[in-house]
Amino acid sequence: MATGESWHEIMFDCGRQKSVTFDCYESITYEQIASEGILGCGSQPHANMYFISFMVIVSFVFLQLFIAIILESFNTSSDEEGLKVKQETLDKFNYLWTKMFPDGDLYMDVTLLP
């Protein structure tokens, strides 16, 4: 329902006063529930209020999360543009370092630097 798929149909079903298969009981006993199941009815104003408020709140939350993800990725990409050494340069350096020193030695002679 939070994706917006057919939520209005669920809302109308929850607010239904009578069904095709049964009439709603005004007062129901435990024995009737045990034998026939729950045959209660909904309230259309309460169902409308609940589902519309749920959809508005959830859609705002999803919208804010979506915008936050876009802004975060934009900030990350703009921060990387200002760097003198890019991430791909660091990745290439790491690759070449492990190729030159496969045993994991952390020190290199100055003559090997070029």
PDB file of N, CA and C in Angstrom:
ATOM      1  N   MET A   1       0.818  -1.187   0.000  1.00  0.00           N
ATOM      2  CA  MET A   1       0.000   0.000   0.000  1.00  0.00           C
ATOM      3  C   MET A   1       0.864   1.255   0.000  1.00  0.00           C
ATOM      4  N   ALA A   2       2.044   1.188   0.620  1.00  0.00           N
ATOM      5  CA  ALA A   2       2.909   2.361   0.690  1.00  0.00           C
ATOM      6  C   ALA A   2       3.456   2.751  -0.679  1.00  0.00           C
ATOM      7  N   THR A   3       3.418   1.839  -1.633  1.00  0.00           N
ATOM      8  CA  THR A   3       3.875   2.180  -2.975  1.00  0.00           C
ATOM      9  C   THR A   3       2.800   2.907  -3.779  1.00  0.00           C
ATOM     10  N   GLY A   4       1.591   2.970  -3.263  1.00  0.00           N
ATOM     11  CA  GLY A   4       0.511   3.665  -3.950  1.00  0.00           C
ATOM     12  C   GLY A   4      -0.302   2.773  -4.852  1.00  0.00           C
ATOM     13  N   GLU A   5      -0.066   1.474  -4.794  1.00  0.00           N
ATOM     14  CA  GLU A   5      -0.754   0.540  -5.685  1.00  0.00           C
ATOM     15  C   GLU A   5      -2.093   0.115  -5.086  1.00  0.00           C
ATOM     16  N   SER A   6      -3.177   0.559  -5.653  1.00  0.00           N
ATOM     17  CA  SER A   6      -4.547   0.173  -5.289  1.00  0.00           C
ATOM     18  C   SER A   6      -4.883   0.401  -3.819  1.00  0.00           C
ATOM     19  N   TRP A   7      -4.338   1.436  -3.236  1.00  0.00           N
ATOM     20  CA  TRP A   7      -4.626   1.698  -1.827  1.00  0.00           C
ATOM     21  C   TRP A   7      -6.066   2.149  -1.632  1.00  0.00           C
ATOM     22  N   HIS A   8      -6.626   2.782  -2.620  1.00  0.00           N
ATOM     23  CA  HIS A   8      -8.001   3.256  -2.492  1.00  0.00           C
ATOM     24  C   HIS A   8      -8.988   2.088  -2.421  1.00  0.00           C
ATOM     25  N   GLU A   9      -8.668   0.982  -3.084  1.00  0.00           N
ATOM     26  CA  GLU A   9      -9.549  -0.185  -3.006  1.00  0.00           C
ATOM     27  C   GLU A   9      -9.538  -0.785  -1.603  1.00  0.00           C
ATOM     28  N   ILE A  10      -8.379  -0.817  -0.972  1.00  0.00           N
ATOM     29  CA  ILE A  10      -8.278  -1.300   0.406  1.00  0.00           C
ATOM     30  C   ILE A  10      -9.042  -0.367   1.337  1.00  0.00           C
ATOM     31  N   MET A  11      -8.939   0.931   1.069  1.00  0.00           N
ATOM     32  CA  MET A  11      -9.666   1.907   1.884  1.00  0.00           C
ATOM     33  C   MET A  11     -11.176   1.687   1.772  1.00  0.00           C
ATOM     34  N   PHE A  12     -11.666   1.480   0.570  1.00  0.00           N
ATOM     35  CA  PHE A  12     -13.105   1.259   0.396  1.00  0.00           C
ATOM     36  C   PHE A  12     -13.548  -0.057   1.031  1.00  0.00           C
ATOM     37  N   ASP A  13     -12.706  -1.094   0.963  1.00  0.00           N
ATOM     38  CA  ASP A  13     -13.042  -2.364   1.597  1.00  0.00           C
ATOM     39  C   ASP A  13     -13.086  -2.237   3.110  1.00  0.00           C
ATOM     40  N   CYS A  14     -12.177  -1.448   3.678  1.00  0.00           N
ATOM     41  CA  CYS A  14     -12.170  -1.273   5.139  1.00  0.00           C
ATOM     42  C   CYS A  14     -13.356  -0.440   5.620  1.00  0.00           C
ATOM     43  N   GLY A  15     -13.885   0.388   4.763  1.00  0.00           N
ATOM     44  CA  GLY A  15     -15.020   1.212   5.149  1.00  0.00           C
ATOM     45  C   GLY A  15     -16.360   0.660   4.723  1.00  0.00           C
ATOM     46  N   ARG A  16     -16.376  -0.534   4.174  1.00  0.00           N
ATOM     47  CA  ARG A  16     -17.607  -1.140   3.662  1.00  0.00           C
ATOM     48  C   ARG A  16     -18.584  -1.430   4.792  1.00  0.00           C
ATOM     49  N   GLN A  17     -19.839  -1.097   4.575  1.00  0.00           N
ATOM     50  CA  GLN A  17     -20.878  -1.342   5.572  1.00  0.00           C
ATOM     51  C   GLN A  17     -21.521  -2.714   5.402  1.00  0.00           C
ATOM     52  N   LYS A  18     -21.654  -3.182   4.188  1.00  0.00           N
ATOM     53  CA  LYS A  18     -22.224  -4.505   3.932  1.00  0.00           C
ATOM     54  C   LYS A  18     -21.403  -5.156   2.842  1.00  0.00           C
ATOM     55  N   SER A  19     -21.381  -6.465   2.876  1.00  0.00           N
ATOM     56  CA  SER A  19     -20.615  -7.199   1.891  1.00  0.00           C
ATOM     57  C   SER A  19     -21.555  -7.985   0.994  1.00  0.00           C
ATOM     58  N   VAL A  20     -21.032  -8.509  -0.051  1.00  0.00           N
ATOM     59  CA  VAL A  20     -21.804  -9.340  -0.953  1.00  0.00           C
ATOM     60  C   VAL A  20     -22.130 -10.670  -0.286  1.00  0.00           C
ATOM     61  N   THR A  21     -21.222 -11.139   0.557  1.00  0.00           N
ATOM     62  CA  THR A  21     -21.375 -12.464   1.160  1.00  0.00           C
ATOM     63  C   THR A  21     -22.054 -12.445   2.524  1.00  0.00           C
ATOM     64  N   PHE A  22     -22.120 -11.335   3.205  1.00  0.00           N
ATOM     65  CA  PHE A  22     -22.739 -11.314   4.528  1.00  0.00           C
ATOM     66  C   PHE A  22     -23.208  -9.914   4.869  1.00  0.00           C
ATOM     67  N   ASP A  23     -24.142  -9.839   5.816  1.00  0.00           N
ATOM     68  CA  ASP A  23     -24.532  -8.572   6.409  1.00  0.00           C
ATOM     69  C   ASP A  23     -23.772  -8.426   7.714  1.00  0.00           C
ATOM     70  N   CYS A  24     -23.436  -7.233   8.032  1.00  0.00           N
ATOM     71  CA  CYS A  24     -22.662  -6.998   9.245  1.00  0.00           C
ATOM     72  C   CYS A  24     -23.551  -7.103  10.475  1.00  0.00           C
ATOM     73  N   TYR A  25     -22.947  -7.611  11.548  1.00  0.00           N
ATOM     74  CA  TYR A  25     -23.647  -7.682  12.824  1.00  0.00           C
ATOM     75  C   TYR A  25     -23.456  -6.362  13.563  1.00  0.00           C
ATOM     76  N   GLU A  26     -24.499  -5.901  14.179  1.00  0.00           N
ATOM     77  CA  GLU A  26     -24.377  -4.711  15.021  1.00  0.00           C
ATOM     78  C   GLU A  26     -23.676  -5.054  16.324  1.00  0.00           C
ATOM     79  N   SER A  27     -24.092  -6.154  16.940  1.00  0.00           N
ATOM     80  CA  SER A  27     -23.398  -6.645  18.124  1.00  0.00           C
ATOM     81  C   SER A  27     -23.125  -8.122  17.898  1.00  0.00           C
ATOM     82  N   ILE A  28     -21.914  -8.533  18.161  1.00  0.00           N
ATOM     83  CA  ILE A  28     -21.518  -9.898  17.861  1.00  0.00           C
ATOM     84  C   ILE A  28     -20.975 -10.544  19.129  1.00  0.00           C
ATOM     85  N   THR A  29     -21.271 -11.805  19.303  1.00  0.00           N
ATOM     86  CA  THR A  29     -20.807 -12.530  20.483  1.00  0.00           C
ATOM     87  C   THR A  29     -19.579 -13.358  20.127  1.00  0.00           C
ATOM     88  N   TYR A  30     -18.942 -13.852  21.151  1.00  0.00           N
ATOM     89  CA  TYR A  30     -17.752 -14.672  20.940  1.00  0.00           C
ATOM     90  C   TYR A  30     -18.089 -15.965  20.207  1.00  0.00           C
ATOM     91  N   GLU A  31     -19.221 -16.527  20.507  1.00  0.00           N
ATOM     92  CA  GLU A  31     -19.624 -17.764  19.849  1.00  0.00           C
ATOM     93  C   GLU A  31     -19.821 -17.549  18.345  1.00  0.00           C
ATOM     94  N   GLN A  32     -20.387 -16.393  17.962  1.00  0.00           N
ATOM     95  CA  GLN A  32     -20.572 -16.101  16.539  1.00  0.00           C
ATOM     96  C   GLN A  32     -19.219 -15.904  15.840  1.00  0.00           C
ATOM     97  N   ILE A  33     -18.297 -15.249  16.529  1.00  0.00           N
ATOM     98  CA  ILE A  33     -16.957 -15.062  15.944  1.00  0.00           C
ATOM     99  C   ILE A  33     -16.262 -16.404  15.778  1.00  0.00           C
ATOM    100  N   ALA A  34     -16.400 -17.280  16.804  1.00  0.00           N
ATOM    101  CA  ALA A  34     -15.749 -18.587  16.746  1.00  0.00           C
ATOM    102  C   ALA A  34     -16.328 -19.454  15.632  1.00  0.00           C
ATOM    103  N   SER A  35     -17.617 -19.378  15.398  1.00  0.00           N
ATOM    104  CA  SER A  35     -18.231 -20.245  14.393  1.00  0.00           C
ATOM    105  C   SER A  35     -18.185 -19.656  12.984  1.00  0.00           C
ATOM    106  N   GLU A  36     -18.397 -18.345  12.832  1.00  0.00           N
ATOM    107  CA  GLU A  36     -18.508 -17.740  11.507  1.00  0.00           C
ATOM    108  C   GLU A  36     -17.335 -16.850  11.132  1.00  0.00           C
ATOM    109  N   GLY A  37     -16.474 -16.539  12.071  1.00  0.00           N
ATOM    110  CA  GLY A  37     -15.386 -15.605  11.800  1.00  0.00           C
ATOM    111  C   GLY A  37     -15.827 -14.180  12.102  1.00  0.00           C
ATOM    112  N   ILE A  38     -14.930 -13.247  11.880  1.00  0.00           N
ATOM    113  CA  ILE A  38     -15.243 -11.837  12.156  1.00  0.00           C
ATOM    114  C   ILE A  38     -16.072 -11.295  11.007  1.00  0.00           C
ATOM    115  N   LEU A  39     -17.277 -10.872  11.317  1.00  0.00           N
ATOM    116  CA  LEU A  39     -18.174 -10.325  10.309  1.00  0.00           C
ATOM    117  C   LEU A  39     -18.528  -8.884  10.651  1.00  0.00           C
ATOM    118  N   GLY A  40     -17.558  -8.175  11.160  1.00  0.00           N
ATOM    119  CA  GLY A  40     -17.818  -6.783  11.517  1.00  0.00           C
ATOM    120  C   GLY A  40     -17.706  -5.882  10.304  1.00  0.00           C
ATOM    121  N   CYS A  41     -18.188  -4.677  10.442  1.00  0.00           N
ATOM    122  CA  CYS A  41     -18.144  -3.705   9.355  1.00  0.00           C
ATOM    123  C   CYS A  41     -17.198  -2.576   9.716  1.00  0.00           C
ATOM    124  N   GLY A  42     -16.804  -1.870   8.695  1.00  0.00           N
ATOM    125  CA  GLY A  42     -15.934  -0.728   8.894  1.00  0.00           C
ATOM    126  C   GLY A  42     -16.724   0.563   8.943  1.00  0.00           C
ATOM    127  N   SER A  43     -16.001   1.626   9.170  1.00  0.00           N
ATOM    128  CA  SER A  43     -16.578   2.960   9.179  1.00  0.00           C
ATOM    129  C   SER A  43     -15.928   3.756   8.053  1.00  0.00           C
ATOM    130  N   GLN A  44     -16.751   4.215   7.120  1.00  0.00           N
ATOM    131  CA  GLN A  44     -16.209   4.909   5.955  1.00  0.00           C
ATOM    132  C   GLN A  44     -15.448   6.179   6.322  1.00  0.00           C
ATOM    133  N   PRO A  45     -15.950   7.037   7.201  1.00  0.00           N
ATOM    134  CA  PRO A  45     -15.168   8.242   7.537  1.00  0.00           C
ATOM    135  C   PRO A  45     -13.836   7.913   8.217  1.00  0.00           C
ATOM    136  N   HIS A  46     -13.855   6.920   9.113  1.00  0.00           N
ATOM    137  CA  HIS A  46     -12.610   6.549   9.792  1.00  0.00           C
ATOM    138  C   HIS A  46     -11.614   5.923   8.817  1.00  0.00           C
ATOM    139  N   ALA A  47     -12.099   5.072   7.932  1.00  0.00           N
ATOM    140  CA  ALA A  47     -11.218   4.451   6.942  1.00  0.00           C
ATOM    141  C   ALA A  47     -10.622   5.509   6.016  1.00  0.00           C
ATOM    142  N   ASN A  48     -11.449   6.443   5.553  1.00  0.00           N
ATOM    143  CA  ASN A  48     -10.947   7.508   4.682  1.00  0.00           C
ATOM    144  C   ASN A  48      -9.882   8.339   5.391  1.00  0.00           C
ATOM    145  N   MET A  49     -10.165   8.720   6.625  1.00  0.00           N
ATOM    146  CA  MET A  49      -9.231   9.552   7.381  1.00  0.00           C
ATOM    147  C   MET A  49      -7.904   8.815   7.594  1.00  0.00           C
ATOM    148  N   TYR A  50      -7.976   7.545   7.979  1.00  0.00           N
ATOM    149  CA  TYR A  50      -6.757   6.781   8.245  1.00  0.00           C
ATOM    150  C   TYR A  50      -5.931   6.590   6.979  1.00  0.00           C
ATOM    151  N   PHE A  51      -6.547   6.110   5.906  1.00  0.00           N
ATOM    152  CA  PHE A  51      -5.790   5.775   4.712  1.00  0.00           C
ATOM    153  C   PHE A  51      -5.257   7.013   4.000  1.00  0.00           C
ATOM    154  N   ILE A  52      -6.031   8.085   3.954  1.00  0.00           N
ATOM    155  CA  ILE A  52      -5.541   9.297   3.302  1.00  0.00           C
ATOM    156  C   ILE A  52      -4.394   9.901   4.099  1.00  0.00           C
ATOM    157  N   SER A  53      -4.519   9.931   5.425  1.00  0.00           N
ATOM    158  CA  SER A  53      -3.415  10.457   6.227  1.00  0.00           C
ATOM    159  C   SER A  53      -2.189   9.548   6.109  1.00  0.00           C
ATOM    160  N   PHE A  54      -2.383   8.239   6.063  1.00  0.00           N
ATOM    161  CA  PHE A  54      -1.260   7.316   5.890  1.00  0.00           C
ATOM    162  C   PHE A  54      -0.554   7.572   4.565  1.00  0.00           C
ATOM    163  N   MET A  55      -1.309   7.712   3.498  1.00  0.00           N
ATOM    164  CA  MET A  55      -0.699   7.921   2.188  1.00  0.00           C
ATOM    165  C   MET A  55       0.034   9.256   2.116  1.00  0.00           C
ATOM    166  N   VAL A  56      -0.532  10.295   2.722  1.00  0.00           N
ATOM    167  CA  VAL A  56       0.129  11.599   2.702  1.00  0.00           C
ATOM    168  C   VAL A  56       1.434  11.537   3.491  1.00  0.00           C
ATOM    169  N   ILE A  57       1.394  10.966   4.674  1.00  0.00           N
ATOM    170  CA  ILE A  57       2.597  10.897   5.509  1.00  0.00           C
ATOM    171  C   ILE A  57       3.659  10.022   4.854  1.00  0.00           C
ATOM    172  N   VAL A  58       3.265   8.854   4.372  1.00  0.00           N
ATOM    173  CA  VAL A  58       4.233   7.941   3.758  1.00  0.00           C
ATOM    174  C   VAL A  58       4.803   8.535   2.481  1.00  0.00           C
ATOM    175  N   SER A  59       3.961   9.178   1.684  1.00  0.00           N
ATOM    176  CA  SER A  59       4.482   9.760   0.439  1.00  0.00           C
ATOM    177  C   SER A  59       5.451  10.893   0.744  1.00  0.00           C
ATOM    178  N   PHE A  60       5.197  11.681   1.778  1.00  0.00           N
ATOM    179  CA  PHE A  60       6.143  12.729   2.162  1.00  0.00           C
ATOM    180  C   PHE A  60       7.455  12.131   2.653  1.00  0.00           C
ATOM    181  N   VAL A  61       7.381  11.055   3.413  1.00  0.00           N
ATOM    182  CA  VAL A  61       8.603  10.416   3.907  1.00  0.00           C
ATOM    183  C   VAL A  61       9.401   9.864   2.739  1.00  0.00           C
ATOM    184  N   PHE A  62       8.744   9.158   1.813  1.00  0.00           N
ATOM    185  CA  PHE A  62       9.463   8.617   0.662  1.00  0.00           C
ATOM    186  C   PHE A  62      10.024   9.731  -0.211  1.00  0.00           C
ATOM    187  N   LEU A  63       9.274  10.793  -0.381  1.00  0.00           N
ATOM    188  CA  LEU A  63       9.750  11.909  -1.184  1.00  0.00           C
ATOM    189  C   LEU A  63      10.979  12.537  -0.541  1.00  0.00           C
ATOM    190  N   GLN A  64      10.940  12.734   0.769  1.00  0.00           N
ATOM    191  CA  GLN A  64      12.085  13.319   1.462  1.00  0.00           C
ATOM    192  C   GLN A  64      13.298  12.404   1.400  1.00  0.00           C
ATOM    193  N   LEU A  65      13.110  11.095   1.529  1.00  0.00           N
ATOM    194  CA  LEU A  65      14.228  10.168   1.415  1.00  0.00           C
ATOM    195  C   LEU A  65      14.826  10.193   0.010  1.00  0.00           C
ATOM    196  N   PHE A  66      13.982  10.234  -0.982  1.00  0.00           N
ATOM    197  CA  PHE A  66      14.442  10.273  -2.364  1.00  0.00           C
ATOM    198  C   PHE A  66      15.258  11.542  -2.621  1.00  0.00           C
ATOM    199  N   ILE A  67      14.758  12.672  -2.162  1.00  0.00           N
ATOM    200  CA  ILE A  67      15.475  13.933  -2.327  1.00  0.00           C
ATOM    201  C   ILE A  67      16.787  13.909  -1.553  1.00  0.00           C
ATOM    202  N   ALA A  68      16.779  13.348  -0.355  1.00  0.00           N
ATOM    203  CA  ALA A  68      18.004  13.271   0.448  1.00  0.00           C
ATOM    204  C   ALA A  68      19.066  12.422  -0.244  1.00  0.00           C
ATOM    205  N   ILE A  69      18.666  11.319  -0.861  1.00  0.00           N
ATOM    206  CA  ILE A  69      19.622  10.469  -1.571  1.00  0.00           C
ATOM    207  C   ILE A  69      20.214  11.213  -2.765  1.00  0.00           C
ATOM    208  N   ILE A  70      19.387  11.926  -3.490  1.00  0.00           N
ATOM    209  CA  ILE A  70      19.877  12.688  -4.645  1.00  0.00           C
ATOM    210  C   ILE A  70      20.841  13.775  -4.192  1.00  0.00           C
ATOM    211  N   LEU A  71      20.492  14.519  -3.144  1.00  0.00           N
ATOM    212  CA  LEU A  71      21.373  15.579  -2.664  1.00  0.00           C
ATOM    213  C   LEU A  71      22.680  15.028  -2.112  1.00  0.00           C
ATOM    214  N   GLU A  72      22.623  13.900  -1.429  1.00  0.00           N
ATOM    215  CA  GLU A  72      23.841  13.295  -0.896  1.00  0.00           C
ATOM    216  C   GLU A  72      24.781  12.869  -2.011  1.00  0.00           C
ATOM    217  N   SER A  73      24.242  12.252  -3.060  1.00  0.00           N
ATOM    218  CA  SER A  73      25.098  11.848  -4.180  1.00  0.00           C
ATOM    219  C   SER A  73      25.647  13.063  -4.917  1.00  0.00           C
ATOM    220  N   PHE A  74      24.865  14.131  -4.998  1.00  0.00           N
ATOM    221  CA  PHE A  74      25.347  15.361  -5.627  1.00  0.00           C
ATOM    222  C   PHE A  74      26.484  15.965  -4.817  1.00  0.00           C
ATOM    223  N   ASN A  75      26.339  16.003  -3.488  1.00  0.00           N
ATOM    224  CA  ASN A  75      27.400  16.541  -2.641  1.00  0.00           C
ATOM    225  C   ASN A  75      28.658  15.701  -2.730  1.00  0.00           C
ATOM    226  N   THR A  76      28.509  14.389  -2.776  1.00  0.00           N
ATOM    227  CA  THR A  76      29.665  13.508  -2.884  1.00  0.00           C
ATOM    228  C   THR A  76      30.400  13.728  -4.202  1.00  0.00           C
ATOM    229  N   SER A  77      29.641  13.839  -5.289  1.00  0.00           N
ATOM    230  CA  SER A  77      30.288  14.037  -6.591  1.00  0.00           C
ATOM    231  C   SER A  77      30.931  15.416  -6.684  1.00  0.00           C
ATOM    232  N   SER A  78      30.304  16.441  -6.109  1.00  0.00           N
ATOM    233  CA  SER A  78      30.902  17.774  -6.160  1.00  0.00           C
ATOM    234  C   SER A  78      32.116  17.867  -5.246  1.00  0.00           C
ATOM    235  N   ASP A  79      32.126  17.123  -4.141  1.00  0.00           N
ATOM    236  CA  ASP A  79      33.299  17.093  -3.269  1.00  0.00           C
ATOM    237  C   ASP A  79      34.475  16.417  -3.968  1.00  0.00           C
ATOM    238  N   GLU A  80      34.202  15.362  -4.725  1.00  0.00           N
ATOM    239  CA  GLU A  80      35.267  14.657  -5.430  1.00  0.00           C
ATOM    240  C   GLU A  80      35.832  15.481  -6.573  1.00  0.00           C
ATOM    241  N   GLU A  81      35.032  16.383  -7.141  1.00  0.00           N
ATOM    242  CA  GLU A  81      35.533  17.219  -8.229  1.00  0.00           C
ATOM    243  C   GLU A  81      36.575  18.202  -7.745  1.00  0.00           C
ATOM    244  N   GLY A  82      36.496  18.645  -6.498  1.00  0.00           N
ATOM    245  CA  GLY A  82      37.448  19.605  -5.963  1.00  0.00           C
ATOM    246  C   GLY A  82      38.763  18.985  -5.538  1.00  0.00           C
ATOM    247  N   LEU A  83      38.845  17.669  -5.494  1.00  0.00           N
ATOM    248  CA  LEU A  83      40.076  17.016  -5.067  1.00  0.00           C
ATOM    249  C   LEU A  83      41.134  17.071  -6.163  1.00  0.00           C
ATOM    250  N   LYS A  84      42.378  17.224  -5.756  1.00  0.00           N
ATOM    251  CA  LYS A  84      43.473  17.205  -6.726  1.00  0.00           C
ATOM    252  C   LYS A  84      43.760  15.779  -7.172  1.00  0.00           C
ATOM    253  N   VAL A  85      43.621  14.835  -6.255  1.00  0.00           N
ATOM    254  CA  VAL A  85      43.822  13.426  -6.569  1.00  0.00           C
ATOM    255  C   VAL A  85      42.451  12.762  -6.567  1.00  0.00           C
ATOM    256  N   LYS A  86      42.070  12.251  -7.716  1.00  0.00           N
ATOM    257  CA  LYS A  86      40.743  11.638  -7.850  1.00  0.00           C
ATOM    258  C   LYS A  86      40.754  10.218  -7.300  1.00  0.00           C
ATOM    259  N   GLN A  87      39.569   9.678  -7.093  1.00  0.00           N
ATOM    260  CA  GLN A  87      39.435   8.327  -6.558  1.00  0.00           C
ATOM    261  C   GLN A  87      40.020   7.282  -7.509  1.00  0.00           C
ATOM    262  N   GLU A  88      39.857   7.484  -8.805  1.00  0.00           N
ATOM    263  CA  GLU A  88      40.394   6.508  -9.754  1.00  0.00           C
ATOM    264  C   GLU A  88      41.923   6.503  -9.743  1.00  0.00           C
ATOM    265  N   THR A  89      42.535   7.654  -9.458  1.00  0.00           N
ATOM    266  CA  THR A  89      43.986   7.704  -9.328  1.00  0.00           C
ATOM    267  C   THR A  89      44.441   6.916  -8.112  1.00  0.00           C
ATOM    268  N   LEU A  90      43.721   7.050  -7.007  1.00  0.00           N
ATOM    269  CA  LEU A  90      44.048   6.285  -5.814  1.00  0.00           C
ATOM    270  C   LEU A  90      43.860   4.788  -6.042  1.00  0.00           C
ATOM    271  N   ASP A  91      42.817   4.424  -6.760  1.00  0.00           N
ATOM    272  CA  ASP A  91      42.597   3.007  -7.070  1.00  0.00           C
ATOM    273  C   ASP A  91      43.724   2.449  -7.938  1.00  0.00           C
ATOM    274  N   LYS A  92      44.155   3.237  -8.931  1.00  0.00           N
ATOM    275  CA  LYS A  92      45.251   2.803  -9.792  1.00  0.00           C
ATOM    276  C   LYS A  92      46.549   2.669  -8.989  1.00  0.00           C
ATOM    277  N   PHE A  93      46.789   3.631  -8.070  1.00  0.00           N
ATOM    278  CA  PHE A  93      47.971   3.565  -7.212  1.00  0.00           C
ATOM    279  C   PHE A  93      47.943   2.312  -6.348  1.00  0.00           C
ATOM    280  N   ASN A  94      46.795   2.004  -5.756  1.00  0.00           N
ATOM    281  CA  ASN A  94      46.678   0.795  -4.935  1.00  0.00           C
ATOM    282  C   ASN A  94      46.927  -0.459  -5.759  1.00  0.00           C
ATOM    283  N   TYR A  95      46.401  -0.490  -6.971  1.00  0.00           N
ATOM    284  CA  TYR A  95      46.602  -1.649  -7.833  1.00  0.00           C
ATOM    285  C   TYR A  95      48.081  -1.835  -8.159  1.00  0.00           C
ATOM    286  N   LEU A  96      48.746  -0.740  -8.549  1.00  0.00           N
ATOM    287  CA  LEU A  96      50.163  -0.836  -8.902  1.00  0.00           C
ATOM    288  C   LEU A  96      51.024  -1.167  -7.683  1.00  0.00           C
ATOM    289  N   TRP A  97      50.668  -0.628  -6.515  1.00  0.00           N
ATOM    290  CA  TRP A  97      51.422  -0.918  -5.298  1.00  0.00           C
ATOM    291  C   TRP A  97      51.354  -2.406  -4.960  1.00  0.00           C
ATOM    292  N   THR A  98      50.176  -2.980  -5.047  1.00  0.00           N
ATOM    293  CA  THR A  98      50.054  -4.412  -4.754  1.00  0.00           C
ATOM    294  C   THR A  98      50.712  -5.261  -5.830  1.00  0.00           C
ATOM    295  N   LYS A  99      50.829  -4.737  -7.047  1.00  0.00           N
ATOM    296  CA  LYS A  99      51.517  -5.465  -8.110  1.00  0.00           C
ATOM    297  C   LYS A  99      53.029  -5.452  -7.881  1.00  0.00           C
ATOM    298  N   MET A 100      53.565  -4.313  -7.412  1.00  0.00           N
ATOM    299  CA  MET A 100      55.005  -4.209  -7.155  1.00  0.00           C
ATOM    300  C   MET A 100      55.408  -4.955  -5.882  1.00  0.00           C
ATOM    301  N   PHE A 101      54.556  -4.911  -4.877  1.00  0.00           N
ATOM    302  CA  PHE A 101      54.881  -5.511  -3.584  1.00  0.00           C
ATOM    303  C   PHE A 101      53.781  -6.489  -3.175  1.00  0.00           C
ATOM    304  N   PRO A 102      53.736  -7.653  -3.762  1.00  0.00           N
ATOM    305  CA  PRO A 102      52.661  -8.602  -3.454  1.00  0.00           C
ATOM    306  C   PRO A 102      52.736  -9.169  -2.044  1.00  0.00           C
ATOM    307  N   ASP A 103      53.906  -9.079  -1.393  1.00  0.00           N
ATOM    308  CA  ASP A 103      54.014  -9.611  -0.035  1.00  0.00           C
ATOM    309  C   ASP A 103      53.456  -8.661   1.008  1.00  0.00           C
ATOM    310  N   GLY A 104      53.031  -7.469   0.606  1.00  0.00           N
ATOM    311  CA  GLY A 104      52.399  -6.526   1.531  1.00  0.00           C
ATOM    312  C   GLY A 104      53.377  -5.648   2.268  1.00  0.00           C
ATOM    313  N   ASP A 105      54.596  -5.517   1.769  1.00  0.00           N
ATOM    314  CA  ASP A 105      55.579  -4.645   2.391  1.00  0.00           C
ATOM    315  C   ASP A 105      55.123  -3.194   2.225  1.00  0.00           C
ATOM    316  N   LEU A 106      55.155  -2.439   3.286  1.00  0.00           N
ATOM    317  CA  LEU A 106      54.642  -1.069   3.249  1.00  0.00           C
ATOM    318  C   LEU A 106      55.705  -0.043   2.903  1.00  0.00           C
ATOM    319  N   TYR A 107      56.949  -0.469   2.688  1.00  0.00           N
ATOM    320  CA  TYR A 107      58.030   0.475   2.442  1.00  0.00           C
ATOM    321  C   TYR A 107      58.613   0.260   1.062  1.00  0.00           C
ATOM    322  N   MET A 108      59.001   1.369   0.428  1.00  0.00           N
ATOM    323  CA  MET A 108      59.569   1.329  -0.905  1.00  0.00           C
ATOM    324  C   MET A 108      60.826   2.179  -0.895  1.00  0.00           C
ATOM    325  N   ASP A 109      61.824   1.711  -1.600  1.00  0.00           N
ATOM    326  CA  ASP A 109      63.054   2.484  -1.722  1.00  0.00           C
ATOM    327  C   ASP A 109      62.776   3.728  -2.565  1.00  0.00           C
ATOM    328  N   VAL A 110      63.422   4.812  -2.241  1.00  0.00           N
ATOM    329  CA  VAL A 110      63.178   6.084  -2.932  1.00  0.00           C
ATOM    330  C   VAL A 110      63.555   5.970  -4.396  1.00  0.00           C
ATOM    331  N   THR A 111      64.504   5.149  -4.722  1.00  0.00           N
ATOM    332  CA  THR A 111      64.896   5.010  -6.121  1.00  0.00           C
ATOM    333  C   THR A 111      63.834   4.354  -6.985  1.00  0.00           C
ATOM    334  N   LEU A 112      62.923   3.600  -6.361  1.00  0.00           N
ATOM    335  CA  LEU A 112      61.841   2.942  -7.093  1.00  0.00           C
ATOM    336  C   LEU A 112      60.626   3.856  -7.305  1.00  0.00           C
ATOM    337  N   LEU A 113      60.617   5.002  -6.659  1.00  0.00           N
ATOM    338  CA  LEU A 113      59.429   5.871  -6.693  1.00  0.00           C
ATOM    339  C   LEU A 113      59.025   6.296  -8.094  1.00  0.00           C
ATOM    340  N   PRO A 114      59.931   6.719  -8.961  1.00  0.00           N
ATOM    341  CA  PRO A 114      59.500   7.101 -10.315  1.00  0.00           C
ATOM    342  C   PRO A 114      58.889   5.933 -11.065  1.00  0.00           C
TER     343      PRO A 114
END
